Amino acid sequence: MTANRLDQTFAALADPTRRAILARLAGGEAGVMELAKPFRMSQPAISKHLKVLERAGLIVRSRRAQSRPCRLEARPLREVADWTERYRRYWERSFERLDAYLARLQRKERRDGRKSPR
């Protein structure tokens, strides 16, 4: 994933309305009016959110007669998950080192005859 694509994806995901739209689209495609229903905003405002999602590659809009149904394109989300996976592994290794250190301290305290604090 390029840095620009990653930036666009994170920027799109930063807004709770856009995340809610993606959550709705995870259940299947929907039209703009249907996507706008749960929000107290105008159809043009929803359309702006959809454009951000579309530019980030998170949704695809098609044309069927008069309607423009939207569907989720999850590939960028997979790319974000892959990117964040490196950091998850980093934190897991850090916690493993901390656990090992704490276990050594507890063994030392037991060996020296002191109780470890609870």
C-alpha atoms as a PDB file:
ATOM      1  CA  MET A   1       0.000   0.000   0.000  1.00  0.00           C
ATOM      2  CA  THR A   2       1.403   3.402  -0.919  1.00  0.00           C
ATOM      3  CA  ALA A   3       1.693   6.099   1.733  1.00  0.00           C
ATOM      4  CA  ASN A   4      -0.828   8.269  -0.138  1.00  0.00           C
ATOM      5  CA  ARG A   5      -3.365   5.442  -0.315  1.00  0.00           C
ATOM      6  CA  LEU A   6      -2.854   4.686   3.358  1.00  0.00           C
ATOM      7  CA  ASP A   7      -3.337   8.385   4.194  1.00  0.00           C
ATOM      8  CA  GLN A   8      -6.569   8.495   2.178  1.00  0.00           C
ATOM      9  CA  THR A   9      -7.879   5.368   3.850  1.00  0.00           C
ATOM     10  CA  PHE A  10      -7.130   6.602   7.367  1.00  0.00           C
ATOM     11  CA  ALA A  11      -8.579  10.036   6.553  1.00  0.00           C
ATOM     12  CA  ALA A  12     -11.772   8.404   5.297  1.00  0.00           C
ATOM     13  CA  LEU A  13     -11.998   6.190   8.383  1.00  0.00           C
ATOM     14  CA  ALA A  14     -11.422   9.144  10.741  1.00  0.00           C
ATOM     15  CA  ASP A  15     -15.025  10.297  10.410  1.00  0.00           C
ATOM     16  CA  PRO A  16     -17.733   8.434  12.383  1.00  0.00           C
ATOM     17  CA  THR A  17     -20.356   9.027   9.682  1.00  0.00           C
ATOM     18  CA  ARG A  18     -18.144   7.386   7.073  1.00  0.00           C
ATOM     19  CA  ARG A  19     -17.410   4.468   9.390  1.00  0.00           C
ATOM     20  CA  ALA A  20     -21.163   4.027   9.928  1.00  0.00           C
ATOM     21  CA  ILE A  21     -21.717   4.076   6.161  1.00  0.00           C
ATOM     22  CA  LEU A  22     -19.070   1.380   5.716  1.00  0.00           C
ATOM     23  CA  ALA A  23     -20.663  -0.688   8.480  1.00  0.00           C
ATOM     24  CA  ARG A  24     -24.021  -0.439   6.712  1.00  0.00           C
ATOM     25  CA  LEU A  25     -22.456  -1.397   3.360  1.00  0.00           C
ATOM     26  CA  ALA A  26     -20.840  -4.444   4.974  1.00  0.00           C
ATOM     27  CA  GLY A  27     -24.393  -5.828   5.024  1.00  0.00           C
ATOM     28  CA  GLY A  28     -24.875  -5.309   1.278  1.00  0.00           C
ATOM     29  CA  GLU A  29     -25.138  -2.565  -1.284  1.00  0.00           C
ATOM     30  CA  ALA A  30     -27.410   0.419  -0.734  1.00  0.00           C
ATOM     31  CA  GLY A  31     -28.499   3.573  -2.485  1.00  0.00           C
ATOM     32  CA  VAL A  32     -27.610   7.099  -1.387  1.00  0.00           C
ATOM     33  CA  MET A  33     -31.059   7.802   0.077  1.00  0.00           C
ATOM     34  CA  GLU A  34     -30.989   4.586   2.078  1.00  0.00           C
ATOM     35  CA  LEU A  35     -27.516   5.426   3.385  1.00  0.00           C
ATOM     36  CA  ALA A  36     -28.667   8.935   4.344  1.00  0.00           C
ATOM     37  CA  LYS A  37     -31.680   7.736   6.412  1.00  0.00           C
ATOM     38  CA  PRO A  38     -29.978   7.233   9.794  1.00  0.00           C
ATOM     39  CA  PHE A  39     -28.210  10.594   9.692  1.00  0.00           C
ATOM     40  CA  ARG A  40     -29.505  14.063  10.381  1.00  0.00           C
ATOM     41  CA  MET A  41     -27.845  15.582   7.341  1.00  0.00           C
ATOM     42  CA  SER A  42     -28.723  16.479   3.813  1.00  0.00           C
ATOM     43  CA  GLN A  43     -28.333  14.216   0.811  1.00  0.00           C
ATOM     44  CA  PRO A  44     -25.540  16.498  -0.554  1.00  0.00           C
ATOM     45  CA  ALA A  45     -23.663  16.096   2.750  1.00  0.00           C
ATOM     46  CA  ILE A  46     -23.974  12.303   2.518  1.00  0.00           C
ATOM     47  CA  SER A  47     -22.799  12.512  -1.109  1.00  0.00           C
ATOM     48  CA  LYS A  48     -19.668  14.344   0.061  1.00  0.00           C
ATOM     49  CA  HIS A  49     -18.949  11.538   2.511  1.00  0.00           C
ATOM     50  CA  LEU A  50     -19.468   8.997  -0.250  1.00  0.00           C
ATOM     51  CA  LYS A  51     -17.009  10.852  -2.498  1.00  0.00           C
ATOM     52  CA  VAL A  52     -14.356  10.684   0.226  1.00  0.00           C
ATOM     53  CA  LEU A  53     -14.978   6.947   0.630  1.00  0.00           C
ATOM     54  CA  GLU A  54     -14.885   6.459  -3.133  1.00  0.00           C
ATOM     55  CA  ARG A  55     -11.603   8.385  -3.536  1.00  0.00           C
ATOM     56  CA  ALA A  56     -10.091   6.231  -0.793  1.00  0.00           C
ATOM     57  CA  GLY A  57     -11.204   3.131  -2.706  1.00  0.00           C
ATOM     58  CA  LEU A  58     -13.443   1.971   0.142  1.00  0.00           C
ATOM     59  CA  ILE A  59     -16.661   1.989  -1.869  1.00  0.00           C
ATOM     60  CA  VAL A  60     -17.646   1.529  -5.482  1.00  0.00           C
ATOM     61  CA  ARG A  61     -20.669   3.289  -6.939  1.00  0.00           C
ATOM     62  CA  SER A  62     -22.436   1.885  -9.965  1.00  0.00           C
ATOM     63  CA  ARG A  63     -25.255   3.163 -12.088  1.00  0.00           C
ATOM     64  CA  ARG A  64     -28.601   1.405 -12.473  1.00  0.00           C
ATOM     65  CA  ALA A  65     -31.172   3.449 -14.294  1.00  0.00           C
ATOM     66  CA  GLN A  66     -31.847   6.395 -11.971  1.00  0.00           C
ATOM     67  CA  SER A  67     -30.086   4.977  -8.911  1.00  0.00           C
ATOM     68  CA  ARG A  68     -26.428   4.925  -7.905  1.00  0.00           C
ATOM     69  CA  PRO A  69     -26.048   1.961  -5.543  1.00  0.00           C
ATOM     70  CA  CYS A  70     -22.895   1.799  -3.436  1.00  0.00           C
ATOM     71  CA  ARG A  71     -21.040  -1.283  -2.305  1.00  0.00           C
ATOM     72  CA  LEU A  72     -18.163  -1.854   0.051  1.00  0.00           C
ATOM     73  CA  GLU A  73     -14.702  -2.404  -1.413  1.00  0.00           C
ATOM     74  CA  ALA A  74     -12.861  -4.009   1.494  1.00  0.00           C
ATOM     75  CA  ARG A  75      -9.391  -4.341  -0.061  1.00  0.00           C
ATOM     76  CA  PRO A  76      -8.108  -1.042   1.441  1.00  0.00           C
ATOM     77  CA  LEU A  77      -9.281  -2.215   4.866  1.00  0.00           C
ATOM     78  CA  ARG A  78      -7.243  -5.398   4.410  1.00  0.00           C
ATOM     79  CA  GLU A  79      -4.224  -3.273   3.489  1.00  0.00           C
ATOM     80  CA  VAL A  80      -4.682  -1.198   6.668  1.00  0.00           C
ATOM     81  CA  ALA A  81      -4.978  -4.407   8.707  1.00  0.00           C
ATOM     82  CA  ASP A  82      -1.746  -5.717   7.154  1.00  0.00           C
ATOM     83  CA  TRP A  83       0.003  -2.414   7.903  1.00  0.00           C
ATOM     84  CA  THR A  84      -1.147  -2.370  11.532  1.00  0.00           C
ATOM     85  CA  GLU A  85      -0.212  -6.037  12.000  1.00  0.00           C
ATOM     86  CA  ARG A  86       3.469  -5.056  12.237  1.00  0.00           C
ATOM     87  CA  TYR A  87       2.687  -2.838  15.221  1.00  0.00           C
ATOM     88  CA  ARG A  88       0.569  -5.474  16.910  1.00  0.00           C
ATOM     89  CA  ARG A  89       3.512  -7.875  16.735  1.00  0.00           C
ATOM     90  CA  TYR A  90       5.789  -5.153  18.163  1.00  0.00           C
ATOM     91  CA  TRP A  91       3.493  -4.644  21.176  1.00  0.00           C
ATOM     92  CA  GLU A  92       3.105  -8.372  21.732  1.00  0.00           C
ATOM     93  CA  ARG A  93       6.906  -8.773  21.864  1.00  0.00           C
ATOM     94  CA  SER A  94       7.116  -5.806  24.252  1.00  0.00           C
ATOM     95  CA  PHE A  95       4.518  -7.332  26.559  1.00  0.00           C
ATOM     96  CA  GLU A  96       6.283 -10.713  26.413  1.00  0.00           C
ATOM     97  CA  ARG A  97       9.529  -9.036  27.496  1.00  0.00           C
ATOM     98  CA  LEU A  98       7.689  -7.262  30.317  1.00  0.00           C
ATOM     99  CA  ASP A  99       6.074 -10.551  31.431  1.00  0.00           C
ATOM    100  CA  ALA A 100       9.505 -12.239  31.464  1.00  0.00           C
ATOM    101  CA  TYR A 101      10.988  -9.370  33.484  1.00  0.00           C
ATOM    102  CA  LEU A 102       8.165  -9.465  36.027  1.00  0.00           C
ATOM    103  CA  ALA A 103       8.499 -13.247  36.350  1.00  0.00           C
ATOM    104  CA  ARG A 104      12.245 -12.838  37.067  1.00  0.00           C
ATOM    105  CA  LEU A 105      11.472 -10.217  39.735  1.00  0.00           C
ATOM    106  CA  GLN A 106       8.900 -12.489  41.376  1.00  0.00           C
ATOM    107  CA  ARG A 107      11.319 -15.440  41.388  1.00  0.00           C
ATOM    108  CA  LYS A 108      14.022 -13.227  42.928  1.00  0.00           C
ATOM    109  CA  GLU A 109      11.623 -11.965  45.602  1.00  0.00           C
ATOM    110  CA  ARG A 110      10.571 -15.516  46.483  1.00  0.00           C
ATOM    111  CA  ARG A 111      14.192 -16.634  46.552  1.00  0.00           C
ATOM    112  CA  ASP A 112      15.118 -13.702  48.816  1.00  0.00           C
ATOM    113  CA  GLY A 113      12.203 -14.480  51.142  1.00  0.00           C
ATOM    114  CA  ARG A 114      10.011 -11.485  50.331  1.00  0.00           C
ATOM    115  CA  LYS A 115       6.428 -11.588  49.228  1.00  0.00           C
ATOM    116  CA  SER A 116       5.522  -9.954  45.951  1.00  0.00           C
ATOM    117  CA  PRO A 117       2.966  -7.117  46.193  1.00  0.00           C
ATOM    118  CA  ARG A 118      -0.528  -7.895  45.025  1.00  0.00           C
END
